C-alpha cells in the first residue's frame, strides 16, 4: 500500500499551475515559497528567465526570521516596495502549489496593500 507523499502532491499541483501561469516583461510572475524556517518571494520574468526583485526572511532587515503569518506580511510589504522601486506595478501570482490561506494569503494581501496589482 502506498503512502501519501505531500511533497510530490504539491509538486504535481505546482506543475499544473505553471502550465497556465507564466511571467512576461509586462506582468512578471510573483512566486512564493516557504519552509519551516523561512519565507521566500521573488518577481520573475520567465521570458528571459531572470529574477527582477526578491525578498525573504533571510534578508538583513529581519531581526528574527520565522515562517509565520506576521513574517509573510512583512515580506509582502518589502517585496511591494522593491517592486515599485523597479517600476513593476502588475504581477501574476504563483502560489507554488500551496493552498491560498495563512502565510500565502497574508503575503499576497500585504503585496496588494503595498501597491502591486494581481
Protein backbone atom coordinates (compact mmCIF):
# COMPACT_ATOMS: atom_id res chain seq x y z
CA UNK A 1 0.00 0.00 0.00
CA UNK A 2 1.44 3.36 -0.99
CA UNK A 3 1.65 6.26 1.41
CA UNK A 4 0.70 9.83 0.66
CA UNK A 5 3.73 11.97 -0.10
CA UNK A 6 2.74 15.62 0.43
CA UNK A 7 5.82 16.95 -1.33
CA UNK A 8 5.10 15.06 -4.56
CA UNK A 9 1.44 16.11 -4.48
CA UNK A 10 2.41 19.77 -4.05
CA UNK A 11 4.97 19.45 -6.86
CA UNK A 12 2.29 17.99 -9.17
CA UNK A 13 -0.13 20.83 -8.31
CA UNK A 14 2.64 23.40 -8.88
CA UNK A 15 3.42 21.94 -12.31
CA UNK A 16 -0.27 22.18 -13.21
CA UNK A 17 -0.30 25.85 -12.15
CA UNK A 18 2.92 26.62 -14.05
CA UNK A 19 1.37 25.34 -17.30
CA UNK A 20 -1.11 28.20 -17.07
CA UNK A 21 0.86 30.94 -15.26
CA UNK A 22 3.92 32.50 -16.80
CA UNK A 23 5.58 35.86 -16.26
CA UNK A 24 6.29 38.32 -19.05
CA UNK A 25 8.09 41.63 -19.13
CA UNK A 26 4.76 43.46 -18.80
CA UNK A 27 3.44 41.23 -15.99
CA UNK A 28 6.14 39.21 -14.24
CA UNK A 29 5.35 36.25 -12.01
CA UNK A 30 5.33 36.63 -8.21
CA UNK A 31 6.49 33.23 -6.96
CA UNK A 32 6.06 32.37 -3.27
CA UNK A 33 7.72 29.55 -1.40
CA UNK A 34 8.27 28.70 2.24
CA UNK A 35 9.96 26.18 4.50
CA UNK A 36 9.62 25.50 8.20
CA UNK A 37 12.01 28.36 8.99
CA UNK A 38 11.86 30.89 6.15
CA UNK A 39 9.58 32.53 3.58
CA UNK A 40 10.79 33.46 0.08
CA UNK A 41 9.16 35.59 -2.61
CA UNK A 42 10.51 36.70 -5.95
CA UNK A 43 9.27 38.51 -9.04
CA UNK A 44 10.41 36.63 -12.14
CA UNK A 45 10.37 37.45 -15.86
CA UNK A 46 10.02 33.97 -17.41
CA UNK A 47 10.60 35.18 -20.97
CA UNK A 48 14.28 35.78 -20.16
CA UNK A 49 14.46 33.58 -17.06
CA UNK A 50 15.57 36.35 -14.71
CA UNK A 51 14.62 37.31 -11.17
CA UNK A 52 13.79 41.01 -11.09
CA UNK A 53 13.08 41.53 -7.36
CA UNK A 54 13.25 39.22 -4.36
CA UNK A 55 12.63 39.29 -0.63
CA UNK A 56 12.92 36.67 2.08
CA UNK A 57 13.28 36.26 5.80
CA UNK A 58 16.99 35.71 5.17
CA UNK A 59 17.40 39.44 4.40
CA UNK A 60 19.41 41.59 6.78
CA UNK A 61 16.34 43.71 7.61
CA UNK A 62 14.79 40.81 9.56
CA UNK A 63 16.00 40.56 13.12
CA UNK A 64 14.18 37.29 13.86
CA UNK A 65 13.38 35.07 10.91
CA UNK A 66 10.29 32.91 11.19
CA UNK A 67 7.88 31.19 8.85
CA UNK A 68 4.60 32.61 10.12
CA UNK A 69 1.82 34.98 9.05
CA UNK A 70 3.48 38.04 10.61
CA UNK A 71 6.73 37.46 8.69
CA UNK A 72 4.74 36.82 5.50
CA UNK A 73 3.07 40.22 5.85
CA UNK A 74 6.47 41.90 6.25
CA UNK A 75 7.84 40.05 3.22
CA UNK A 76 4.83 41.08 1.11
CA UNK A 77 5.24 44.71 2.09
CA UNK A 78 9.01 44.65 1.47
CA UNK A 79 8.58 42.98 -1.91
CA UNK A 80 5.96 45.52 -2.97
CA UNK A 81 8.31 48.39 -2.05
CA UNK A 82 11.17 46.85 -4.02
CA UNK A 83 8.92 46.11 -7.00
CA UNK A 84 7.58 49.66 -7.19
CA UNK A 85 11.19 50.86 -6.98
CA UNK A 86 11.92 48.70 -10.04
CA UNK A 87 8.87 50.13 -11.91
CA UNK A 88 6.80 46.94 -11.55
CA UNK A 89 3.13 47.56 -10.78
CA UNK A 90 1.30 44.45 -12.05
CA UNK A 91 2.24 40.82 -11.45
CA UNK A 92 0.81 37.34 -11.91
CA UNK A 93 0.57 35.47 -8.59
CA UNK A 94 2.08 31.98 -8.32
CA UNK A 95 1.23 30.32 -5.01
CA UNK A 96 3.67 27.49 -5.67
CA UNK A 97 1.21 24.65 -5.16
CA UNK A 98 0.35 25.76 -1.64
CA UNK A 99 -3.21 26.48 -0.55
CA UNK A 100 -4.21 30.14 -0.66
CA UNK A 101 -4.62 30.69 3.07
CA UNK A 102 -2.44 31.54 6.05
CA UNK A 103 1.07 32.68 5.08
CA UNK A 104 0.39 32.74 1.34
CA UNK A 105 -2.77 34.84 1.72
CA UNK A 106 -1.07 37.21 4.19
CA UNK A 107 1.84 37.78 1.80
CA UNK A 108 -0.49 38.39 -1.16
CA UNK A 109 -2.68 40.82 0.78
CA UNK A 110 0.34 42.77 2.03
CA UNK A 111 1.74 42.96 -1.52
CA UNK A 112 -1.63 44.26 -2.77
CA UNK A 113 -1.70 46.85 0.01
CA UNK A 114 1.83 47.86 -0.98
CA UNK A 115 0.71 48.71 -4.50
CA UNK A 116 1.10 45.55 -6.57
CA UNK A 117 -1.83 44.51 -8.76
CA UNK A 118 -2.70 40.86 -9.32
